[in-house]
């Protein structure tokens, strides 16, 4: 098995993709709006991925946060709110905000589980700052580590209740980036002491089954390499200081924050200590390059993957999505307009 999660080009697997994925045997797959059309189409697509991989628990990921980051949406599926909505409620009713976040996450998970998706790249544990780039600020759970951790924990719980594994992101924190990593490489100059704020939610949820890195240079830890490519940050900060021993995947390596060929970036991330590379755009030449550059998944990484997916073994989703959404909306109504 190759330590990579690949994207797909369309609403069904192509013959070239079937042949390539069968040979490369990637650890999992990630879906985007281009892959999503109807419930029956999406269920058929995820069924085909399970059949191709030969694994009923093959990770099939999606970024379904709510707000601006939602791959599934109207008219086939409902819209969901983003993190700042729950942060606003927390200002006046913390317990209600936590419960609203949990209900919302379970409703999302039930929607995903229904079409065979078993991993959601949620929650964001990035602590917002006054100058956080809009690419992150419009999605965060707030500027206080305690509330971010509390609502993040509720989201992980809600996702699991609905039959989906959550992914905490973006380690070791994206809140101090003032430019968008899709287009630029941010450099954070905050002191190591100040960065304790960013680490706090991740420390609180260090037992999460999966996590995602950030493509950011933190001068206090490594002046030369972004977190995704830094063995110092991955080993000393994420693994040791945060204490995270779950499956660690990269953010999308196609983002312009990283330089080099697809294969070079993938190999660099694995060499730095990431368990899995995330490559989202289904460009066949780049996927071949990545597969050629990567060896088999390390035993420790495979064990983390198996452990993460096993968190769903005894889960039998029984929630009612409509009731959960109604509960969420009643709680959110308590926030000031």
C-alpha atoms as a PDB file:
ATOM      1  CA  UNK A   1       0.000   0.000   0.000  1.00  0.00           C
ATOM      2  CA  UNK A   2       1.319   3.436  -0.959  1.00  0.00           C
ATOM      3  CA  UNK A   3       1.146   6.139   1.739  1.00  0.00           C
ATOM      4  CA  UNK A   4      -0.960   8.514  -0.330  1.00  0.00           C
ATOM      5  CA  UNK A   5      -4.569   9.623  -0.666  1.00  0.00           C
ATOM      6  CA  UNK A   6      -5.507  10.465  -4.257  1.00  0.00           C
ATOM      7  CA  UNK A   7      -8.307  12.506  -5.793  1.00  0.00           C
ATOM      8  CA  UNK A   8     -10.536  11.386  -8.662  1.00  0.00           C
ATOM      9  CA  UNK A   9     -11.223  13.203 -11.913  1.00  0.00           C
ATOM     10  CA  UNK A  10     -14.997  12.875 -12.197  1.00  0.00           C
ATOM     11  CA  UNK A  11     -18.245  11.315 -11.057  1.00  0.00           C
ATOM     12  CA  UNK A  12     -17.099   7.766 -11.866  1.00  0.00           C
ATOM     13  CA  UNK A  13     -13.742   6.055 -12.122  1.00  0.00           C
ATOM     14  CA  UNK A  14     -12.132   6.125 -15.556  1.00  0.00           C
ATOM     15  CA  UNK A  15     -10.489   3.060 -17.045  1.00  0.00           C
ATOM     16  CA  UNK A  16      -7.080   4.701 -16.583  1.00  0.00           C
ATOM     17  CA  UNK A  17      -7.818   5.417 -12.928  1.00  0.00           C
ATOM     18  CA  UNK A  18      -8.953   1.856 -12.286  1.00  0.00           C
ATOM     19  CA  UNK A  19      -5.749   0.488 -13.798  1.00  0.00           C
ATOM     20  CA  UNK A  20      -3.522   2.970 -11.981  1.00  0.00           C
ATOM     21  CA  UNK A  21      -5.183   2.662  -8.578  1.00  0.00           C
ATOM     22  CA  UNK A  22      -5.165  -1.120  -8.806  1.00  0.00           C
ATOM     23  CA  UNK A  23      -1.406  -1.033  -9.404  1.00  0.00           C
ATOM     24  CA  UNK A  24      -0.504   1.784  -6.975  1.00  0.00           C
ATOM     25  CA  UNK A  25      -2.848   0.665  -4.181  1.00  0.00           C
ATOM     26  CA  UNK A  26      -3.180   4.071  -2.477  1.00  0.00           C
ATOM     27  CA  UNK A  27      -4.101   4.212   1.199  1.00  0.00           C
ATOM     28  CA  UNK A  28      -7.306   6.103   0.417  1.00  0.00           C
ATOM     29  CA  UNK A  29      -9.196   8.586  -1.723  1.00  0.00           C
ATOM     30  CA  UNK A  30     -10.572  12.119  -1.387  1.00  0.00           C
ATOM     31  CA  UNK A  31     -13.670  13.542  -3.051  1.00  0.00           C
ATOM     32  CA  UNK A  32     -14.462  17.050  -4.277  1.00  0.00           C
ATOM     33  CA  UNK A  33     -17.388  18.849  -5.857  1.00  0.00           C
ATOM     34  CA  UNK A  34     -16.375  17.528  -9.282  1.00  0.00           C
ATOM     35  CA  UNK A  35     -17.019  14.007  -7.956  1.00  0.00           C
ATOM     36  CA  UNK A  36     -20.430  14.725  -6.480  1.00  0.00           C
ATOM     37  CA  UNK A  37     -23.728  14.780  -8.353  1.00  0.00           C
ATOM     38  CA  UNK A  38     -26.551  12.736  -6.804  1.00  0.00           C
ATOM     39  CA  UNK A  39     -26.947  10.359  -3.895  1.00  0.00           C
ATOM     40  CA  UNK A  40     -27.146   7.277  -6.122  1.00  0.00           C
ATOM     41  CA  UNK A  41     -24.139   8.381  -8.207  1.00  0.00           C
ATOM     42  CA  UNK A  42     -22.033   9.136  -5.143  1.00  0.00           C
ATOM     43  CA  UNK A  43     -22.945   5.873  -3.434  1.00  0.00           C
ATOM     44  CA  UNK A  44     -22.001   3.984  -6.609  1.00  0.00           C
ATOM     45  CA  UNK A  45     -18.670   5.822  -6.721  1.00  0.00           C
ATOM     46  CA  UNK A  46     -17.739   5.024  -3.133  1.00  0.00           C
ATOM     47  CA  UNK A  47     -18.856   1.410  -3.605  1.00  0.00           C
ATOM     48  CA  UNK A  48     -16.534   1.186  -6.605  1.00  0.00           C
ATOM     49  CA  UNK A  49     -13.621   2.508  -4.526  1.00  0.00           C
ATOM     50  CA  UNK A  50     -14.204  -0.112  -1.844  1.00  0.00           C
ATOM     51  CA  UNK A  51     -14.436  -2.854  -4.431  1.00  0.00           C
ATOM     52  CA  UNK A  52     -11.294  -1.671  -6.208  1.00  0.00           C
ATOM     53  CA  UNK A  53      -9.233  -1.441  -3.029  1.00  0.00           C
ATOM     54  CA  UNK A  54     -10.578  -4.685  -1.578  1.00  0.00           C
ATOM     55  CA  UNK A  55     -10.997  -2.924   1.776  1.00  0.00           C
ATOM     56  CA  UNK A  56     -14.413  -2.216   3.273  1.00  0.00           C
ATOM     57  CA  UNK A  57     -12.795   0.358   5.540  1.00  0.00           C
ATOM     58  CA  UNK A  58     -10.705   2.115   2.885  1.00  0.00           C
ATOM     59  CA  UNK A  59     -10.612   5.797   3.901  1.00  0.00           C
ATOM     60  CA  UNK A  60     -12.821   7.881   1.607  1.00  0.00           C
ATOM     61  CA  UNK A  61     -12.360  11.510   2.591  1.00  0.00           C
ATOM     62  CA  UNK A  62     -14.164  14.755   1.935  1.00  0.00           C
ATOM     63  CA  UNK A  63     -13.874  18.355   3.139  1.00  0.00           C
ATOM     64  CA  UNK A  64     -17.394  18.899   4.437  1.00  0.00           C
ATOM     65  CA  UNK A  65     -16.980  21.665   7.003  1.00  0.00           C
ATOM     66  CA  UNK A  66     -19.970  23.866   6.231  1.00  0.00           C
ATOM     67  CA  UNK A  67     -19.980  27.420   4.978  1.00  0.00           C
ATOM     68  CA  UNK A  68     -17.502  28.075   2.171  1.00  0.00           C
ATOM     69  CA  UNK A  69     -15.912  24.627   2.400  1.00  0.00           C
ATOM     70  CA  UNK A  70     -18.609  22.152   1.421  1.00  0.00           C
ATOM     71  CA  UNK A  71     -18.234  19.675  -1.426  1.00  0.00           C
ATOM     72  CA  UNK A  72     -21.813  18.414  -1.089  1.00  0.00           C
ATOM     73  CA  UNK A  73     -24.580  20.994  -1.159  1.00  0.00           C
ATOM     74  CA  UNK A  74     -27.987  22.054  -2.479  1.00  0.00           C
ATOM     75  CA  UNK A  75     -30.093  20.918  -4.129  1.00  0.00           C
ATOM     76  CA  UNK A  76     -29.082  17.324  -3.415  1.00  0.00           C
ATOM     77  CA  UNK A  77     -27.906  17.983   0.155  1.00  0.00           C
ATOM     78  CA  UNK A  78     -28.540  20.685   2.771  1.00  0.00           C
ATOM     79  CA  UNK A  79     -26.175  23.518   3.652  1.00  0.00           C
ATOM     80  CA  UNK A  80     -24.394  23.582   7.001  1.00  0.00           C
ATOM     81  CA  UNK A  81     -22.957  26.542   8.945  1.00  0.00           C
ATOM     82  CA  UNK A  82     -19.238  27.180   9.422  1.00  0.00           C
ATOM     83  CA  UNK A  83     -17.268  27.469  12.655  1.00  0.00           C
ATOM     84  CA  UNK A  84     -17.787  31.195  13.399  1.00  0.00           C
ATOM     85  CA  UNK A  85     -21.527  30.607  13.875  1.00  0.00           C
ATOM     86  CA  UNK A  86     -20.812  28.326  16.832  1.00  0.00           C
ATOM     87  CA  UNK A  87     -18.163  30.704  18.138  1.00  0.00           C
ATOM     88  CA  UNK A  88     -20.774  33.484  18.253  1.00  0.00           C
ATOM     89  CA  UNK A  89     -23.123  31.317  20.290  1.00  0.00           C
ATOM     90  CA  UNK A  90     -20.289  30.395  22.659  1.00  0.00           C
ATOM     91  CA  UNK A  91     -20.012  34.085  23.600  1.00  0.00           C
ATOM     92  CA  UNK A  92     -23.428  33.916  25.288  1.00  0.00           C
ATOM     93  CA  UNK A  93     -24.025  30.199  25.945  1.00  0.00           C
ATOM     94  CA  UNK A  94     -20.927  27.974  25.929  1.00  0.00           C
ATOM     95  CA  UNK A  95     -22.693  24.696  26.733  1.00  0.00           C
ATOM     96  CA  UNK A  96     -25.292  25.345  24.059  1.00  0.00           C
ATOM     97  CA  UNK A  97     -22.572  26.116  21.516  1.00  0.00           C
ATOM     98  CA  UNK A  98     -20.805  22.858  22.294  1.00  0.00           C
ATOM     99  CA  UNK A  99     -24.033  20.888  21.943  1.00  0.00           C
ATOM    100  CA  UNK A 100     -24.934  22.704  18.713  1.00  0.00           C
ATOM    101  CA  UNK A 101     -21.519  21.854  17.258  1.00  0.00           C
ATOM    102  CA  UNK A 102     -21.974  18.208  18.241  1.00  0.00           C
ATOM    103  CA  UNK A 103     -25.459  17.964  16.716  1.00  0.00           C
ATOM    104  CA  UNK A 104     -24.303  19.681  13.537  1.00  0.00           C
ATOM    105  CA  UNK A 105     -21.349  17.315  13.152  1.00  0.00           C
ATOM    106  CA  UNK A 106     -23.497  14.243  13.688  1.00  0.00           C
ATOM    107  CA  UNK A 107     -25.947  15.462  11.045  1.00  0.00           C
ATOM    108  CA  UNK A 108     -23.065  15.973   8.602  1.00  0.00           C
ATOM    109  CA  UNK A 109     -21.725  12.509   9.413  1.00  0.00           C
ATOM    110  CA  UNK A 110     -25.083  10.858   8.812  1.00  0.00           C
ATOM    111  CA  UNK A 111     -25.236  12.544   5.413  1.00  0.00           C
ATOM    112  CA  UNK A 112     -21.746  11.322   4.551  1.00  0.00           C
ATOM    113  CA  UNK A 113     -22.272   7.823   5.933  1.00  0.00           C
ATOM    114  CA  UNK A 114     -25.376   7.484   3.785  1.00  0.00           C
ATOM    115  CA  UNK A 115     -23.258   7.774   0.625  1.00  0.00           C
ATOM    116  CA  UNK A 116     -20.316   5.708   1.837  1.00  0.00           C
ATOM    117  CA  UNK A 117     -17.919   8.470   2.927  1.00  0.00           C
ATOM    118  CA  UNK A 118     -16.158   7.598   6.171  1.00  0.00           C
ATOM    119  CA  UNK A 119     -13.665  10.437   6.857  1.00  0.00           C
ATOM    120  CA  UNK A 120     -14.393  14.159   7.128  1.00  0.00           C
ATOM    121  CA  UNK A 121     -11.537  16.701   7.234  1.00  0.00           C
ATOM    122  CA  UNK A 122     -13.009  18.446  10.262  1.00  0.00           C
ATOM    123  CA  UNK A 123     -12.611  20.039  12.837  1.00  0.00           C
ATOM    124  CA  UNK A 124     -10.323  23.037  12.436  1.00  0.00           C
ATOM    125  CA  UNK A 125      -8.439  23.585  15.662  1.00  0.00           C
ATOM    126  CA  UNK A 126      -6.697  26.703  14.357  1.00  0.00           C
ATOM    127  CA  UNK A 127      -6.863  29.558  16.877  1.00  0.00           C
ATOM    128  CA  UNK A 128      -7.894  32.751  15.100  1.00  0.00           C
ATOM    129  CA  UNK A 129      -5.828  35.922  15.367  1.00  0.00           C
ATOM    130  CA  UNK A 130      -6.807  39.492  14.397  1.00  0.00           C
ATOM    131  CA  UNK A 131      -4.968  39.208  11.064  1.00  0.00           C
ATOM    132  CA  UNK A 132      -5.662  35.569  10.193  1.00  0.00           C
ATOM    133  CA  UNK A 133      -6.096  35.101   6.450  1.00  0.00           C
ATOM    134  CA  UNK A 134      -9.747  34.946   5.391  1.00  0.00           C
ATOM    135  CA  UNK A 135      -9.059  31.487   3.971  1.00  0.00           C
ATOM    136  CA  UNK A 136      -8.945  30.310   7.593  1.00  0.00           C
ATOM    137  CA  UNK A 137     -10.698  33.032   9.619  1.00  0.00           C
ATOM    138  CA  UNK A 138     -14.059  32.342   7.968  1.00  0.00           C
ATOM    139  CA  UNK A 139     -13.855  28.729   9.142  1.00  0.00           C
ATOM    140  CA  UNK A 140     -12.422  28.793  12.675  1.00  0.00           C
ATOM    141  CA  UNK A 141     -14.070  28.040  15.995  1.00  0.00           C
ATOM    142  CA  UNK A 142     -12.697  31.191  17.623  1.00  0.00           C
ATOM    143  CA  UNK A 143      -9.755  33.001  19.152  1.00  0.00           C
ATOM    144  CA  UNK A 144      -9.683  31.283  22.550  1.00  0.00           C
ATOM    145  CA  UNK A 145      -7.903  27.903  22.718  1.00  0.00           C
ATOM    146  CA  UNK A 146     -10.267  26.547  25.372  1.00  0.00           C
ATOM    147  CA  UNK A 147     -13.406  27.103  23.328  1.00  0.00           C
ATOM    148  CA  UNK A 148     -11.750  25.849  20.138  1.00  0.00           C
ATOM    149  CA  UNK A 149     -10.796  22.643  21.934  1.00  0.00           C
ATOM    150  CA  UNK A 150     -14.208  22.224  23.561  1.00  0.00           C
ATOM    151  CA  UNK A 151     -16.126  22.605  20.312  1.00  0.00           C
ATOM    152  CA  UNK A 152     -13.533  20.603  18.402  1.00  0.00           C
ATOM    153  CA  UNK A 153     -13.984  17.705  20.804  1.00  0.00           C
ATOM    154  CA  UNK A 154     -17.755  17.909  20.343  1.00  0.00           C
ATOM    155  CA  UNK A 155     -17.333  17.839  16.567  1.00  0.00           C
ATOM    156  CA  UNK A 156     -15.125  14.748  16.717  1.00  0.00           C
ATOM    157  CA  UNK A 157     -17.717  13.090  18.955  1.00  0.00           C
ATOM    158  CA  UNK A 158     -20.598  14.034  16.659  1.00  0.00           C
ATOM    159  CA  UNK A 159     -18.800  12.755  13.578  1.00  0.00           C
ATOM    160  CA  UNK A 160     -18.031   9.427  15.234  1.00  0.00           C
ATOM    161  CA  UNK A 161     -21.638   9.010  16.381  1.00  0.00           C
ATOM    162  CA  UNK A 162     -22.644   9.403  12.747  1.00  0.00           C
ATOM    163  CA  UNK A 163     -20.123   6.830  11.524  1.00  0.00           C
ATOM    164  CA  UNK A 164     -17.334   9.117  10.308  1.00  0.00           C
ATOM    165  CA  UNK A 165     -13.716   9.648  11.402  1.00  0.00           C
ATOM    166  CA  UNK A 166     -12.674  13.256  12.028  1.00  0.00           C
ATOM    167  CA  UNK A 167      -9.369  14.920  11.117  1.00  0.00           C
ATOM    168  CA  UNK A 168      -7.977  17.692  13.344  1.00  0.00           C
ATOM    169  CA  UNK A 169      -6.289  20.406  11.321  1.00  0.00           C
ATOM    170  CA  UNK A 170      -4.000  22.211  10.563  1.00  0.00           C
ATOM    171  CA  UNK A 171      -1.133  21.114  12.829  1.00  0.00           C
ATOM    172  CA  UNK A 172       0.628  22.832  14.540  1.00  0.00           C
ATOM    173  CA  UNK A 173      -1.797  25.714  13.853  1.00  0.00           C
ATOM    174  CA  UNK A 174      -2.857  27.884  10.924  1.00  0.00           C
ATOM    175  CA  UNK A 175      -4.243  30.877  12.794  1.00  0.00           C
ATOM    176  CA  UNK A 176      -1.154  33.084  12.460  1.00  0.00           C
ATOM    177  CA  UNK A 177      -0.915  32.779   8.688  1.00  0.00           C
ATOM    178  CA  UNK A 178      -1.801  36.073   7.009  1.00  0.00           C
ATOM    179  CA  UNK A 179      -1.644  34.701   3.459  1.00  0.00           C
ATOM    180  CA  UNK A 180      -3.475  31.781   1.856  1.00  0.00           C
ATOM    181  CA  UNK A 181      -1.361  28.610   1.525  1.00  0.00           C
ATOM    182  CA  UNK A 182      -3.220  27.760  -1.689  1.00  0.00           C
ATOM    183  CA  UNK A 183      -1.190  30.556  -3.299  1.00  0.00           C
ATOM    184  CA  UNK A 184       1.649  31.595  -0.974  1.00  0.00           C
ATOM    185  CA  UNK A 185       3.986  30.213   1.710  1.00  0.00           C
ATOM    186  CA  UNK A 186       3.275  31.947   5.052  1.00  0.00           C
ATOM    187  CA  UNK A 187       6.063  32.615   7.541  1.00  0.00           C
ATOM    188  CA  UNK A 188       5.138  32.922  11.211  1.00  0.00           C
ATOM    189  CA  UNK A 189       7.567  34.918  13.372  1.00  0.00           C
ATOM    190  CA  UNK A 190       5.790  34.443  16.709  1.00  0.00           C
ATOM    191  CA  UNK A 191       7.890  33.332  19.648  1.00  0.00           C
ATOM    192  CA  UNK A 192       7.839  29.793  20.975  1.00  0.00           C
ATOM    193  CA  UNK A 193       5.988  31.071  24.053  1.00  0.00           C
ATOM    194  CA  UNK A 194       3.313  32.759  21.952  1.00  0.00           C
ATOM    195  CA  UNK A 195       2.901  29.591  19.893  1.00  0.00           C
ATOM    196  CA  UNK A 196       1.773  27.721  22.996  1.00  0.00           C
ATOM    197  CA  UNK A 197      -1.624  29.299  22.299  1.00  0.00           C
ATOM    198  CA  UNK A 198      -1.729  27.631  18.887  1.00  0.00           C
ATOM    199  CA  UNK A 199      -0.706  24.248  20.262  1.00  0.00           C
ATOM    200  CA  UNK A 200      -3.216  24.203  23.113  1.00  0.00           C
ATOM    201  CA  UNK A 201      -6.294  22.869  21.243  1.00  0.00           C
ATOM    202  CA  UNK A 202      -4.199  20.183  19.560  1.00  0.00           C
ATOM    203  CA  UNK A 203      -2.767  19.131  22.921  1.00  0.00           C
ATOM    204  CA  UNK A 204      -6.280  18.900  24.346  1.00  0.00           C
ATOM    205  CA  UNK A 205      -7.327  16.632  21.452  1.00  0.00           C
ATOM    206  CA  UNK A 206      -4.033  14.770  21.061  1.00  0.00           C
ATOM    207  CA  UNK A 207      -5.931  11.476  21.061  1.00  0.00           C
ATOM    208  CA  UNK A 208      -7.741  12.322  17.801  1.00  0.00           C
ATOM    209  CA  UNK A 209      -7.559   9.487  15.258  1.00  0.00           C
ATOM    210  CA  UNK A 210      -6.295  11.613  12.361  1.00  0.00           C
ATOM    211  CA  UNK A 211      -4.573  14.958  11.893  1.00  0.00           C
ATOM    212  CA  UNK A 212      -3.454  17.205   9.041  1.00  0.00           C
ATOM    213  CA  UNK A 213      -0.358  19.381   8.749  1.00  0.00           C
ATOM    214  CA  UNK A 214      -0.063  23.014   7.665  1.00  0.00           C
ATOM    215  CA  UNK A 215       2.209  24.349   4.919  1.00  0.00           C
ATOM    216  CA  UNK A 216       3.636  27.124   7.104  1.00  0.00           C
ATOM    217  CA  UNK A 217       7.155  28.097   8.157  1.00  0.00           C
ATOM    218  CA  UNK A 218       7.430  28.635  11.923  1.00  0.00           C
ATOM    219  CA  UNK A 219      10.678  30.490  12.505  1.00  0.00           C
ATOM    220  CA  UNK A 220      10.724  29.590  16.206  1.00  0.00           C
ATOM    221  CA  UNK A 221      11.051  25.910  15.278  1.00  0.00           C
ATOM    222  CA  UNK A 222      12.416  25.616  11.736  1.00  0.00           C
ATOM    223  CA  UNK A 223      13.375  28.669   9.678  1.00  0.00           C
ATOM    224  CA  UNK A 224      13.979  26.697   6.501  1.00  0.00           C
ATOM    225  CA  UNK A 225      11.075  24.303   6.051  1.00  0.00           C
ATOM    226  CA  UNK A 226       7.271  24.451   6.300  1.00  0.00           C
ATOM    227  CA  UNK A 227       5.694  22.155   8.879  1.00  0.00           C
ATOM    228  CA  UNK A 228       4.690  19.540   6.286  1.00  0.00           C
ATOM    229  CA  UNK A 229       8.330  19.079   5.259  1.00  0.00           C
ATOM    230  CA  UNK A 230       9.995  19.645   8.628  1.00  0.00           C
ATOM    231  CA  UNK A 231      11.139  16.637  10.678  1.00  0.00           C
ATOM    232  CA  UNK A 232      11.733  19.063  13.550  1.00  0.00           C
ATOM    233  CA  UNK A 233       8.118  20.216  13.623  1.00  0.00           C
ATOM    234  CA  UNK A 234       6.614  16.803  12.931  1.00  0.00           C
ATOM    235  CA  UNK A 235       8.700  14.913  15.471  1.00  0.00           C
ATOM    236  CA  UNK A 236       9.539  17.487  18.149  1.00  0.00           C
ATOM    237  CA  UNK A 237       6.360  19.568  18.058  1.00  0.00           C
ATOM    238  CA  UNK A 238       3.497  17.456  16.696  1.00  0.00           C
ATOM    239  CA  UNK A 239       4.524  14.026  17.949  1.00  0.00           C
ATOM    240  CA  UNK A 240       6.292  14.991  21.182  1.00  0.00           C
ATOM    241  CA  UNK A 241       5.111  18.362  22.462  1.00  0.00           C
ATOM    242  CA  UNK A 242       1.514  18.005  21.297  1.00  0.00           C
ATOM    243  CA  UNK A 243       1.602  14.255  21.956  1.00  0.00           C
ATOM    244  CA  UNK A 244      -0.285  13.307  18.794  1.00  0.00           C
ATOM    245  CA  UNK A 245       0.149   9.660  17.800  1.00  0.00           C
ATOM    246  CA  UNK A 246      -2.694   9.428  15.314  1.00  0.00           C
ATOM    247  CA  UNK A 247      -2.460   9.192  11.535  1.00  0.00           C
ATOM    248  CA  UNK A 248      -0.780  12.372  10.260  1.00  0.00           C
ATOM    249  CA  UNK A 249      -1.567  13.409   6.687  1.00  0.00           C
ATOM    250  CA  UNK A 250      -0.323  16.402   4.764  1.00  0.00           C
ATOM    251  CA  UNK A 251      -2.536  19.202   3.597  1.00  0.00           C
ATOM    252  CA  UNK A 252      -2.903  19.066  -0.189  1.00  0.00           C
ATOM    253  CA  UNK A 253       0.632  19.003  -1.574  1.00  0.00           C
ATOM    254  CA  UNK A 254      -0.518  20.778  -4.732  1.00  0.00           C
ATOM    255  CA  UNK A 255      -0.879  24.057  -2.810  1.00  0.00           C
ATOM    256  CA  UNK A 256       1.510  26.736  -4.022  1.00  0.00           C
ATOM    257  CA  UNK A 257       2.984  27.096  -0.517  1.00  0.00           C
ATOM    258  CA  UNK A 258       5.162  24.096  -1.400  1.00  0.00           C
ATOM    259  CA  UNK A 259       7.687  24.035  -4.218  1.00  0.00           C
ATOM    260  CA  UNK A 260       9.060  21.189  -6.301  1.00  0.00           C
ATOM    261  CA  UNK A 261       7.513  18.408  -8.344  1.00  0.00           C
ATOM    262  CA  UNK A 262       4.616  16.391  -6.999  1.00  0.00           C
ATOM    263  CA  UNK A 263       6.897  13.434  -6.392  1.00  0.00           C
ATOM    264  CA  UNK A 264       9.540  15.518  -4.649  1.00  0.00           C
ATOM    265  CA  UNK A 265       7.002  17.094  -2.311  1.00  0.00           C
ATOM    266  CA  UNK A 266       5.414  13.725  -1.520  1.00  0.00           C
ATOM    267  CA  UNK A 267       8.749  12.054  -0.809  1.00  0.00           C
ATOM    268  CA  UNK A 268       9.838  15.018   1.303  1.00  0.00           C
ATOM    269  CA  UNK A 269       6.712  14.880   3.451  1.00  0.00           C
ATOM    270  CA  UNK A 270       7.087  11.153   4.121  1.00  0.00           C
ATOM    271  CA  UNK A 271      10.783  11.566   4.872  1.00  0.00           C
ATOM    272  CA  UNK A 272       9.933  14.342   7.338  1.00  0.00           C
ATOM    273  CA  UNK A 273       7.621  12.027   9.283  1.00  0.00           C
ATOM    274  CA  UNK A 274       4.137  12.385   7.799  1.00  0.00           C
ATOM    275  CA  UNK A 275       2.251   9.096   7.553  1.00  0.00           C
ATOM    276  CA  UNK A 276       0.330   9.886   4.382  1.00  0.00           C
ATOM    277  CA  UNK A 277       0.470  12.388   1.519  1.00  0.00           C
ATOM    278  CA  UNK A 278      -2.721  14.099   0.352  1.00  0.00           C
ATOM    279  CA  UNK A 279      -2.826  14.770  -3.405  1.00  0.00           C
ATOM    280  CA  UNK A 280      -6.183  16.103  -4.478  1.00  0.00           C
ATOM    281  CA  UNK A 281      -6.305  16.990  -8.153  1.00  0.00           C
ATOM    282  CA  UNK A 282      -6.305  13.632  -9.985  1.00  0.00           C
ATOM    283  CA  UNK A 283      -3.678  14.674 -12.533  1.00  0.00           C
ATOM    284  CA  UNK A 284      -2.480  11.327 -13.807  1.00  0.00           C
ATOM    285  CA  UNK A 285       1.092  12.385 -14.557  1.00  0.00           C
ATOM    286  CA  UNK A 286       1.505  13.778 -11.034  1.00  0.00           C
ATOM    287  CA  UNK A 287      -0.077  10.740  -9.420  1.00  0.00           C
ATOM    288  CA  UNK A 288       2.290   8.463 -11.325  1.00  0.00           C
ATOM    289  CA  UNK A 289       5.218  10.619 -10.212  1.00  0.00           C
ATOM    290  CA  UNK A 290       4.109  10.373  -6.586  1.00  0.00           C
ATOM    291  CA  UNK A 291       3.589   6.610  -6.759  1.00  0.00           C
ATOM    292  CA  UNK A 292       7.026   6.196  -8.333  1.00  0.00           C
ATOM    293  CA  UNK A 293       8.679   8.264  -5.584  1.00  0.00           C
ATOM    294  CA  UNK A 294       7.001   6.560  -2.629  1.00  0.00           C
ATOM    295  CA  UNK A 295       7.758   3.166  -1.186  1.00  0.00           C
ATOM    296  CA  UNK A 296       5.289   1.045   0.736  1.00  0.00           C
ATOM    297  CA  UNK A 297       3.588   2.505   3.773  1.00  0.00           C
ATOM    298  CA  UNK A 298       5.630   2.117   6.945  1.00  0.00           C
ATOM    299  CA  UNK A 299       4.383  -0.402   9.502  1.00  0.00           C
ATOM    300  CA  UNK A 300       3.893   2.330  12.122  1.00  0.00           C
ATOM    301  CA  UNK A 301       1.848   4.399   9.682  1.00  0.00           C
ATOM    302  CA  UNK A 302      -0.281   1.408   8.671  1.00  0.00           C
ATOM    303  CA  UNK A 303      -0.932   0.692  12.339  1.00  0.00           C
ATOM    304  CA  UNK A 304      -2.072   4.295  12.858  1.00  0.00           C
ATOM    305  CA  UNK A 305      -4.352   4.039   9.836  1.00  0.00           C
ATOM    306  CA  UNK A 306      -5.867   0.777  11.035  1.00  0.00           C
ATOM    307  CA  UNK A 307      -6.329   2.207  14.531  1.00  0.00           C
ATOM    308  CA  UNK A 308      -8.067   5.304  13.189  1.00  0.00           C
ATOM    309  CA  UNK A 309     -10.506   3.380  11.024  1.00  0.00           C
ATOM    310  CA  UNK A 310     -11.164   0.889  13.843  1.00  0.00           C
ATOM    311  CA  UNK A 311     -12.769   3.694  15.863  1.00  0.00           C
ATOM    312  CA  UNK A 312     -15.841   3.074  13.696  1.00  0.00           C
ATOM    313  CA  UNK A 313     -15.966  -0.716  14.220  1.00  0.00           C
ATOM    314  CA  UNK A 314     -18.670  -0.679  16.891  1.00  0.00           C
ATOM    315  CA  UNK A 315     -20.487   2.441  15.705  1.00  0.00           C
ATOM    316  CA  UNK A 316     -24.041   1.988  14.499  1.00  0.00           C
ATOM    317  CA  UNK A 317     -25.355   5.406  13.451  1.00  0.00           C
ATOM    318  CA  UNK A 318     -28.892   5.839  14.731  1.00  0.00           C
ATOM    319  CA  UNK A 319     -29.390   9.587  14.752  1.00  0.00           C
ATOM    320  CA  UNK A 320     -32.069  11.440  12.841  1.00  0.00           C
ATOM    321  CA  UNK A 321     -30.444  14.142  10.722  1.00  0.00           C
ATOM    322  CA  UNK A 322     -33.556  16.309  10.551  1.00  0.00           C
ATOM    323  CA  UNK A 323     -33.971  16.242  14.330  1.00  0.00           C
ATOM    324  CA  UNK A 324     -30.297  17.032  14.833  1.00  0.00           C
ATOM    325  CA  UNK A 325     -30.499  20.006  12.479  1.00  0.00           C
ATOM    326  CA  UNK A 326     -33.615  21.254  14.256  1.00  0.00           C
ATOM    327  CA  UNK A 327     -31.831  20.949  17.593  1.00  0.00           C
ATOM    328  CA  UNK A 328     -28.818  22.813  16.219  1.00  0.00           C
ATOM    329  CA  UNK A 329     -30.948  25.604  14.810  1.00  0.00           C
ATOM    330  CA  UNK A 330     -32.875  26.024  18.056  1.00  0.00           C
ATOM    331  CA  UNK A 331     -29.612  26.386  19.945  1.00  0.00           C
ATOM    332  CA  UNK A 332     -28.090  28.757  17.383  1.00  0.00           C
ATOM    333  CA  UNK A 333     -31.177  30.962  17.667  1.00  0.00           C
ATOM    334  CA  UNK A 334     -29.949  31.908  21.143  1.00  0.00           C
ATOM    335  CA  UNK A 335     -27.010  33.844  19.650  1.00  0.00           C
ATOM    336  CA  UNK A 336     -27.444  37.610  19.134  1.00  0.00           C
ATOM    337  CA  UNK A 337     -28.454  38.569  15.623  1.00  0.00           C
END
